[in-house]
Amino acid sequence: MHAWTRPPCAAHMISKDRIIFVVGNSRSGTTLMGRILGNHDNVFTFNELHFFEQMWSRGDRVSLLSRSECLNTLSRLICTQRDGYFAQCSKRYSSYLDEAGAIAGTAQTEIAPLEALRMFMTYEAARNGKSIPCEQTPRNVFYLKEILEFFPGARIVNMVRDPRDVLLSQKRRWKRPFLSGQKVPRSQAIRYWVNYHPITISKLWNSSVKAADSHAGDERVYTLRFEDLLDNPACHVERLCDFIGIRYDESMLQVPQIGSSSSYDDPETKGIDSEKTGFWRGGGLNSSELYISERITAAYMSKHGYERSVRSANPFGLIFYLVSFPFKLAAAFLLSLKRMKNIREAIKRRLQ
């Protein structure tokens, strides 16, 4: 990886603190991994903060935040963590400006946007009695270059899952607001439904795997297959702890059974369910969806040890998905306009 020259004005602001970033394609086990790590005495796992893309873009890498801009960013992060992403979207974060001021202190010096992120994460982790922040927004996989450059002490945990299970989970994702029992806007269920298309999901899987694989040679990046984690959780979590530099404890595996797109949440039942893999084999995806997925992801499937299963598909099904693709893509684009600071950049990162 080529060395990056840090802007002189921001040189003193970049932290070398140990921060964990759990990344990967959506529905690949990033939330499960965040919960496992969050069970450690020293690790505090955040909700998905969505800092990158929504509060930061490439143009911000050499910019500085004024005092008011810094407080605004900090208050949005506090609101996202405490009240959930949809509260932040509804701009209720202004009620946290006083606490944001306490985090920023009395200094009037302008700071880098990523320094504001670091300040918030270290503050919130300490507020919860922990010393190591763990951020688990999956799409951060498209920002690994920036994360590794700005946070040289970071540890990246990259989750990879069978693209067909990802496809099925995304297809059923619109049910999550009803299965979780949480107050999620119904519009979000509609957005999940609109976002699903076998071509879109398969290409995004390719992009996320490619983005992480480009940093495979970096000793700060650890890739773990979701299937391997569930097959032998104790072994893989212990190895992961060695990578991060924390002591393994078997209590880390006692996570609640929540987050599935196929069943109701059961927070009272804890542990790693080894049967949460291979759901696609039991139905839910037709031959055309499987064919499309396996054709698009073939190279990276093979690289990560997944075997193809179908060689043909219903021609009418293929025609349907090909014809519907541009319409679904356009609808998904329109519904995401307000969720990205620079939508052109966000799309470009996914197409690299």
Protein backbone atom coordinates (compact mmCIF):
# COMPACT_ATOMS: atom_id res chain seq x y z
CA MET A 1 0.00 0.00 0.00
CA HIS A 2 1.37 3.40 -0.95
CA ALA A 3 2.22 5.76 1.87
CA TRP A 4 -0.16 8.65 2.34
CA THR A 5 1.16 12.12 3.13
CA ARG A 6 -0.88 13.60 5.96
CA PRO A 7 -1.82 17.29 5.62
CA PRO A 8 0.43 19.35 7.95
CA CYS A 9 -2.57 21.15 9.45
CA ALA A 10 -4.09 17.88 10.62
CA ALA A 11 -0.94 15.98 11.53
CA HIS A 12 -1.28 16.44 15.27
CA MET A 13 -4.93 15.42 15.27
CA ILE A 14 -4.67 11.84 14.07
CA SER A 15 -4.97 9.24 16.82
CA LYS A 16 -3.04 5.99 17.15
CA ASP A 17 -5.56 4.59 19.62
CA ARG A 18 -6.73 1.01 19.19
CA ILE A 19 -10.15 1.08 17.55
CA ILE A 20 -11.93 -1.91 16.02
CA PHE A 21 -13.89 -1.59 12.78
CA VAL A 22 -16.13 -4.53 11.87
CA VAL A 23 -16.87 -4.37 8.14
CA GLY A 24 -18.24 -6.48 5.30
CA ASN A 25 -21.21 -6.78 3.04
CA SER A 26 -24.56 -6.12 4.70
CA ARG A 27 -26.16 -9.27 6.19
CA SER A 28 -22.77 -10.98 6.51
CA GLY A 29 -22.54 -11.29 10.28
CA THR A 30 -21.11 -7.89 11.16
CA THR A 31 -23.75 -7.28 13.84
CA LEU A 32 -23.15 -10.73 15.34
CA MET A 33 -19.42 -10.07 15.45
CA GLY A 34 -20.02 -6.68 17.04
CA ARG A 35 -22.08 -8.31 19.79
CA ILE A 36 -19.41 -10.96 20.40
CA LEU A 37 -16.67 -8.36 20.76
CA GLY A 38 -18.96 -6.14 22.84
CA ASN A 39 -19.20 -8.90 25.44
CA HIS A 40 -15.52 -8.37 26.25
CA ASP A 41 -14.73 -6.39 29.38
CA ASN A 42 -12.66 -3.87 27.44
CA VAL A 43 -14.66 -3.48 24.22
CA PHE A 44 -17.65 -1.21 23.66
CA THR A 45 -19.57 -1.93 20.45
CA PHE A 46 -21.49 0.95 18.91
CA ASN A 47 -24.66 0.88 16.90
CA GLU A 48 -24.08 1.48 13.20
CA LEU A 49 -22.93 5.10 13.18
CA HIS A 50 -22.95 5.64 9.40
CA PHE A 51 -20.26 8.31 9.76
CA PHE A 52 -18.63 7.56 6.43
CA GLU A 53 -20.84 8.43 3.46
CA GLN A 54 -23.35 10.40 5.55
CA MET A 55 -21.08 12.76 7.49
CA TRP A 56 -17.80 12.40 5.60
CA SER A 57 -16.63 12.24 2.00
CA ARG A 58 -13.29 12.22 0.21
CA GLY A 59 -13.19 16.02 0.10
CA ASP A 60 -13.11 16.12 3.90
CA ARG A 61 -9.76 14.33 4.16
CA VAL A 62 -7.89 17.65 4.12
CA SER A 63 -10.59 19.88 5.59
CA LEU A 64 -11.06 21.09 9.15
CA LEU A 65 -14.27 21.57 11.13
CA SER A 66 -15.09 24.85 12.80
CA ARG A 67 -16.25 24.75 16.41
CA SER A 68 -19.92 24.79 15.39
CA GLU A 69 -19.42 22.14 12.69
CA CYS A 70 -17.61 19.92 15.17
CA LEU A 71 -20.44 20.22 17.71
CA ASN A 72 -22.98 19.43 15.03
CA THR A 73 -21.07 16.30 13.98
CA LEU A 74 -20.63 15.14 17.59
CA SER A 75 -24.31 15.68 18.42
CA ARG A 76 -25.36 13.67 15.36
CA LEU A 77 -23.10 10.82 16.45
CA ILE A 78 -24.47 10.91 20.00
CA CYS A 79 -28.04 10.86 18.73
CA THR A 80 -27.35 7.97 16.35
CA GLN A 81 -25.82 5.93 19.16
CA ARG A 82 -28.33 6.74 21.90
CA ASP A 83 -31.60 7.06 19.99
CA GLY A 84 -30.95 5.09 16.83
CA TYR A 85 -30.26 5.92 13.22
CA PHE A 86 -33.78 7.07 12.40
CA ALA A 87 -33.71 9.66 15.18
CA GLN A 88 -30.57 11.11 13.64
CA CYS A 89 -32.26 11.13 10.25
CA SER A 90 -35.15 13.13 11.71
CA LYS A 91 -32.64 15.78 12.94
CA ARG A 92 -33.38 15.37 16.64
CA TYR A 93 -29.65 15.50 17.34
CA SER A 94 -29.71 19.21 18.25
CA SER A 95 -30.77 18.24 21.77
CA TYR A 96 -27.27 16.80 22.32
CA LEU A 97 -25.33 19.98 21.52
CA ASP A 98 -24.48 20.64 25.19
CA GLU A 99 -22.98 17.17 25.61
CA ALA A 100 -21.15 17.59 22.32
CA GLY A 101 -19.61 20.74 23.77
CA ALA A 102 -18.41 18.77 26.78
CA ILE A 103 -16.73 16.23 24.47
CA ALA A 104 -15.06 18.93 22.40
CA GLY A 105 -13.92 20.86 25.48
CA THR A 106 -13.25 24.57 25.52
CA ALA A 107 -10.68 24.63 22.73
CA GLN A 108 -11.69 26.71 19.72
CA THR A 109 -9.11 25.09 17.41
CA GLU A 110 -10.45 23.62 14.20
CA ILE A 111 -10.16 19.83 14.00
CA ALA A 112 -10.24 17.17 11.30
CA PRO A 113 -13.62 15.41 10.84
CA LEU A 114 -12.11 12.02 11.64
CA GLU A 115 -10.69 13.44 14.86
CA ALA A 116 -14.27 14.30 15.85
CA LEU A 117 -15.22 10.67 15.21
CA ARG A 118 -12.32 9.47 17.36
CA MET A 119 -13.23 11.91 20.14
CA PHE A 120 -16.80 10.65 20.21
CA MET A 121 -15.90 6.95 20.14
CA THR A 122 -13.32 7.19 22.90
CA TYR A 123 -15.70 9.34 24.99
CA GLU A 124 -18.68 7.02 24.59
CA ALA A 125 -16.62 3.90 25.24
CA ALA A 126 -15.24 5.42 28.46
CA ARG A 127 -18.73 6.55 29.43
CA ASN A 128 -19.73 2.88 29.33
CA GLY A 129 -16.69 1.73 31.29
CA LYS A 130 -14.78 0.37 28.29
CA SER A 131 -11.45 1.29 26.73
CA ILE A 132 -11.65 -0.05 23.15
CA PRO A 133 -14.31 1.34 20.76
CA CYS A 134 -15.77 -1.04 18.18
CA GLU A 135 -17.60 0.43 15.17
CA GLN A 136 -19.70 -2.02 13.14
CA THR A 137 -21.12 -0.20 10.11
CA PRO A 138 -20.76 -2.77 7.26
CA ARG A 139 -20.33 -0.22 4.45
CA ASN A 140 -17.14 1.05 6.07
CA VAL A 141 -15.55 -1.70 3.99
CA PHE A 142 -15.50 0.86 1.16
CA TYR A 143 -13.47 3.26 3.31
CA LEU A 144 -10.70 0.97 4.55
CA LYS A 145 -7.96 2.99 2.87
CA GLU A 146 -8.97 6.11 4.78
CA ILE A 147 -9.56 4.25 8.05
CA LEU A 148 -6.16 2.58 7.97
CA GLU A 149 -4.43 5.85 7.09
CA PHE A 150 -6.15 8.06 9.66
CA PHE A 151 -6.26 5.41 12.42
CA PRO A 152 -2.93 3.57 12.19
CA GLY A 153 -3.68 1.63 15.37
CA ALA A 154 -7.00 0.31 14.04
CA ARG A 155 -7.92 -3.36 13.72
CA ILE A 156 -10.24 -4.33 10.87
CA VAL A 157 -12.47 -7.40 11.19
CA ASN A 158 -13.86 -8.21 7.75
CA MET A 159 -16.82 -10.61 7.62
CA VAL A 160 -17.52 -12.66 4.48
CA ARG A 161 -20.66 -14.75 3.97
CA ASP A 162 -21.93 -17.04 1.20
CA PRO A 163 -23.44 -14.63 -1.37
CA ARG A 164 -26.53 -16.83 -1.73
CA ASP A 165 -27.31 -16.59 1.97
CA VAL A 166 -26.71 -12.85 1.72
CA LEU A 167 -29.10 -12.73 -1.23
CA LEU A 168 -31.82 -14.61 0.65
CA SER A 169 -31.36 -12.48 3.76
CA GLN A 170 -31.62 -9.30 1.71
CA LYS A 171 -34.71 -10.64 -0.04
CA ARG A 172 -36.40 -11.17 3.32
CA ARG A 173 -34.98 -8.07 4.96
CA TRP A 174 -38.18 -6.08 4.53
CA LYS A 175 -39.59 -8.29 7.31
CA ARG A 176 -37.03 -7.14 9.88
CA PRO A 177 -39.10 -4.21 11.22
CA PHE A 178 -41.87 -6.69 12.04
CA LEU A 179 -39.67 -9.52 13.35
CA SER A 180 -37.62 -7.33 15.66
CA GLY A 181 -40.49 -5.67 17.51
CA GLN A 182 -38.62 -2.36 17.33
CA LYS A 183 -40.12 0.92 16.24
CA VAL A 184 -38.86 1.18 12.69
CA PRO A 185 -40.62 3.37 10.12
CA ARG A 186 -42.69 1.33 7.69
CA SER A 187 -41.03 3.33 4.96
CA GLN A 188 -37.85 1.48 5.86
CA ALA A 189 -39.50 -1.87 5.09
CA ILE A 190 -40.50 -0.44 1.71
CA ARG A 191 -36.93 0.73 1.15
CA TYR A 192 -35.60 -2.75 1.95
CA TRP A 193 -38.01 -4.25 -0.58
CA VAL A 194 -37.08 -1.74 -3.27
CA ASN A 195 -33.36 -2.26 -2.68
CA TYR A 196 -33.59 -5.99 -3.34
CA HIS A 197 -32.66 -7.27 -6.75
CA PRO A 198 -30.40 -10.28 -7.42
CA ILE A 199 -28.17 -8.30 -9.78
CA THR A 200 -27.77 -5.37 -7.37
CA ILE A 201 -27.12 -7.51 -4.30
CA SER A 202 -24.66 -9.76 -6.13
CA LYS A 203 -22.68 -6.84 -7.53
CA LEU A 204 -22.55 -5.19 -4.11
CA TRP A 205 -21.28 -8.47 -2.61
CA ASN A 206 -18.54 -8.53 -5.23
CA SER A 207 -17.62 -4.91 -4.54
CA SER A 208 -17.43 -5.32 -0.76
CA VAL A 209 -15.33 -8.49 -0.99
CA LYS A 210 -13.02 -6.87 -3.54
CA ALA A 211 -12.66 -3.75 -1.37
CA ALA A 212 -11.56 -5.82 1.63
CA ASP A 213 -9.39 -8.21 -0.38
CA SER A 214 -7.39 -5.24 -1.68
CA HIS A 215 -6.10 -4.83 1.90
CA ALA A 216 -5.56 -8.53 2.60
CA GLY A 217 -1.82 -8.01 2.89
CA ASP A 218 -2.19 -5.47 5.69
CA GLU A 219 -1.49 -7.03 9.10
CA ARG A 220 -4.26 -4.89 10.60
CA VAL A 221 -6.96 -6.60 8.51
CA TYR A 222 -8.48 -9.93 9.58
CA THR A 223 -10.96 -11.70 7.28
CA LEU A 224 -13.32 -14.30 8.73
CA ARG A 225 -16.00 -16.30 6.95
CA PHE A 226 -19.37 -16.26 8.68
CA GLU A 227 -19.69 -20.01 8.13
CA ASP A 228 -16.35 -20.73 9.81
CA LEU A 229 -17.30 -18.59 12.79
CA LEU A 230 -20.52 -20.54 13.32
CA ASP A 231 -18.84 -23.90 12.76
CA ASN A 232 -16.21 -23.37 15.49
CA PRO A 233 -16.91 -20.10 17.33
CA ALA A 234 -14.57 -20.63 20.27
CA CYS A 235 -11.56 -21.31 18.05
CA HIS A 236 -12.13 -18.39 15.70
CA VAL A 237 -13.03 -15.85 18.36
CA GLU A 238 -9.93 -16.80 20.34
CA ARG A 239 -7.79 -16.24 17.23
CA LEU A 240 -9.55 -12.95 16.65
CA CYS A 241 -8.82 -11.83 20.21
CA ASP A 242 -5.12 -12.58 19.64
CA PHE A 243 -5.27 -10.43 16.49
CA ILE A 244 -6.90 -7.53 18.35
CA GLY A 245 -4.69 -7.89 21.41
CA ILE A 246 -7.31 -8.77 24.04
CA ARG A 247 -7.80 -11.82 26.20
CA TYR A 248 -10.39 -14.36 25.05
CA ASP A 249 -13.24 -15.24 27.38
CA GLU A 250 -15.86 -17.88 26.57
CA SER A 251 -18.57 -15.53 27.83
CA MET A 252 -18.04 -13.52 24.65
CA LEU A 253 -20.03 -16.19 22.78
CA GLN A 254 -23.17 -15.63 24.86
CA VAL A 255 -24.93 -13.33 22.42
CA PRO A 256 -28.72 -13.02 22.06
CA GLN A 257 -30.47 -14.77 19.15
CA ILE A 258 -31.64 -11.67 17.31
CA GLY A 259 -31.23 -10.05 13.91
CA SER A 260 -32.46 -12.83 11.61
CA SER A 261 -34.51 -12.07 8.50
CA SER A 262 -36.23 -15.44 8.79
CA SER A 263 -37.44 -15.68 12.39
CA TYR A 264 -38.59 -13.54 15.31
CA ASP A 265 -35.96 -12.20 17.68
CA ASP A 266 -35.38 -14.31 20.78
CA PRO A 267 -33.17 -12.20 23.07
CA GLU A 268 -33.59 -14.59 26.00
CA THR A 269 -31.82 -17.39 24.12
CA LYS A 270 -28.07 -16.82 23.97
CA GLY A 271 -25.19 -18.47 22.16
CA ILE A 272 -23.94 -19.00 18.60
CA ASP A 273 -26.48 -20.90 16.47
CA SER A 274 -24.47 -23.12 14.11
CA GLU A 275 -27.53 -23.74 11.94
CA LYS A 276 -27.73 -20.15 10.67
CA THR A 277 -25.89 -21.05 7.47
CA GLY A 278 -26.95 -22.57 4.17
CA PHE A 279 -30.52 -21.27 4.41
CA TRP A 280 -30.58 -20.77 0.64
CA ARG A 281 -30.49 -24.55 0.18
CA GLY A 282 -33.89 -24.85 1.86
CA GLY A 283 -35.66 -22.62 -0.64
CA GLY A 284 -36.53 -18.95 -0.86
CA LEU A 285 -34.45 -18.28 -3.97
CA ASN A 286 -35.55 -19.43 -7.41
CA SER A 287 -33.21 -20.89 -10.01
CA SER A 288 -32.91 -17.57 -11.83
CA GLU A 289 -31.83 -15.72 -8.68
CA LEU A 290 -29.26 -18.41 -7.88
CA TYR A 291 -27.98 -18.45 -11.45
CA ILE A 292 -27.57 -14.66 -11.52
CA SER A 293 -25.86 -14.60 -8.15
CA GLU A 294 -23.43 -17.39 -8.96
CA ARG A 295 -22.55 -16.01 -12.38
CA ILE A 296 -21.80 -12.53 -11.04
CA THR A 297 -19.92 -13.63 -7.91
CA ALA A 298 -18.20 -16.72 -9.37
CA ALA A 299 -14.61 -15.47 -9.10
CA TYR A 300 -14.82 -14.28 -5.51
CA MET A 301 -16.98 -17.26 -4.49
CA SER A 302 -14.20 -19.56 -5.63
CA LYS A 303 -11.54 -17.44 -3.94
CA HIS A 304 -13.32 -17.66 -0.59
CA GLY A 305 -14.25 -21.33 -0.82
CA TYR A 306 -17.89 -21.30 -1.95
CA GLU A 307 -19.02 -23.78 -4.63
CA ARG A 308 -21.54 -23.09 -7.36
CA SER A 309 -24.76 -25.10 -7.44
CA VAL A 310 -26.72 -24.27 -10.61
CA ARG A 311 -25.78 -24.29 -14.29
CA SER A 312 -29.04 -23.15 -15.86
CA ALA A 313 -32.08 -21.03 -15.07
CA ASN A 314 -35.62 -20.37 -16.19
CA PRO A 315 -35.22 -18.07 -19.24
CA PHE A 316 -38.41 -16.19 -18.41
CA GLY A 317 -37.12 -15.55 -14.91
CA LEU A 318 -33.86 -14.20 -16.31
CA ILE A 319 -35.72 -11.90 -18.68
CA PHE A 320 -37.85 -10.60 -15.80
CA TYR A 321 -34.82 -9.76 -13.65
CA LEU A 322 -32.97 -8.16 -16.55
CA VAL A 323 -35.95 -5.99 -17.49
CA SER A 324 -36.77 -5.01 -13.90
CA PHE A 325 -33.17 -4.23 -12.95
CA PRO A 326 -32.95 -0.61 -14.21
CA PHE A 327 -36.29 0.28 -12.62
CA LYS A 328 -35.36 -1.21 -9.24
CA LEU A 329 -31.94 0.44 -9.42
CA ALA A 330 -33.45 3.85 -10.16
CA ALA A 331 -35.96 3.52 -7.32
CA ALA A 332 -33.22 2.47 -4.89
CA PHE A 333 -31.12 5.43 -6.01
CA LEU A 334 -33.94 7.89 -5.35
CA LEU A 335 -34.62 6.47 -1.89
CA SER A 336 -30.94 6.80 -0.97
CA LEU A 337 -30.39 10.39 -2.06
CA LYS A 338 -30.75 11.82 1.46
CA ARG A 339 -28.65 9.08 3.07
CA MET A 340 -25.32 10.02 1.50
CA LYS A 341 -23.27 13.20 1.72
CA ASN A 342 -21.83 12.68 -1.77
CA ILE A 343 -23.91 10.15 -3.66
CA ARG A 344 -21.66 10.23 -6.74
CA GLU A 345 -18.66 9.26 -4.63
CA ALA A 346 -20.61 6.58 -2.75
CA ILE A 347 -21.71 4.93 -6.00
CA LYS A 348 -18.19 5.16 -7.44
CA ARG A 349 -16.75 3.36 -4.42
CA ARG A 350 -19.23 0.52 -4.91
CA LEU A 351 -18.36 0.21 -8.58
CA GLN A 352 -14.56 0.11 -8.14
